[in-house]
Amino acid sequence: MSHDHDHDHSELSDIELRVRALETLLTEKGYIDPPALDELIETYETKIGPKNGARVVAKAWTDTDYHARLMSDATSAIAELGFTGRQGEHMVAVENTSGVHNMVVCTLCSCYPWTVLGLPPVWYKSAPYRSRAVRDPRGVLKEFGVTLPEETEIKVWDSTAEVRYLVIPRRPKGTEGWSEERLSELVTRNSMIGTALALDPSNQEETA
């Protein structure tokens, strides 16, 4: 598979430069408050954006036919739910199991499935994550609070301008009979990147 990131990387850099210039201009003129803007960005990174992906995962957990379509052609299956657009044209779903845990990285830049995960987190674009995720995935997971059994195989998938990955986390035990909407609340952005597990349903019930 080709790992040509040049087009995607230059495009992303141009967007970031334009956004930074606009933010500086608006701040200087007093039109925006930087802390408030940071909070808004954080909301889109962790709450609003990833809800698309969470819906995909929850449907895959509950609908065997949809699960099969997602695993065979993720781009089309995701489009069934209305999630299409740039940065999500060529999707591949990889599923966590009792013996395999998947994690996604982009080693050369920051290719990321915006369509289903929203804005990429800062750490995903950082050089330490991009290099260490490949060399020491188990150590990186531990820093995110995820400790897996030694016998669990960790597969690291390198996103490219051609292909982006969506991790399907394992469905938590004790969620039998839950609706898709309720299940989606257990799916976080990090669990769909592979740096976290789905949320504990017992804690979800306590806060419901």
Foldseek 3Di string as FASTA:
>chain_A
DDFDAVVVQVVVVVVVVVVVVVVVVCVVVVNDDVVVVVVVLVCQQWPVQQLLVLLLLLCLVPPVVLVVCCQVAVLVSSCVVVQDDPLRNAEHEDEDDLAEFEAEAAQPAQRARCSNRNDHDPVRGDNVCSPCCVVPVQVLLVVLVDHHDPRRHYHYHHDHSRYDYWYNADQDPPCPPPDSVLSSVQDISRVRNRSDHGHDVVVVVVVD
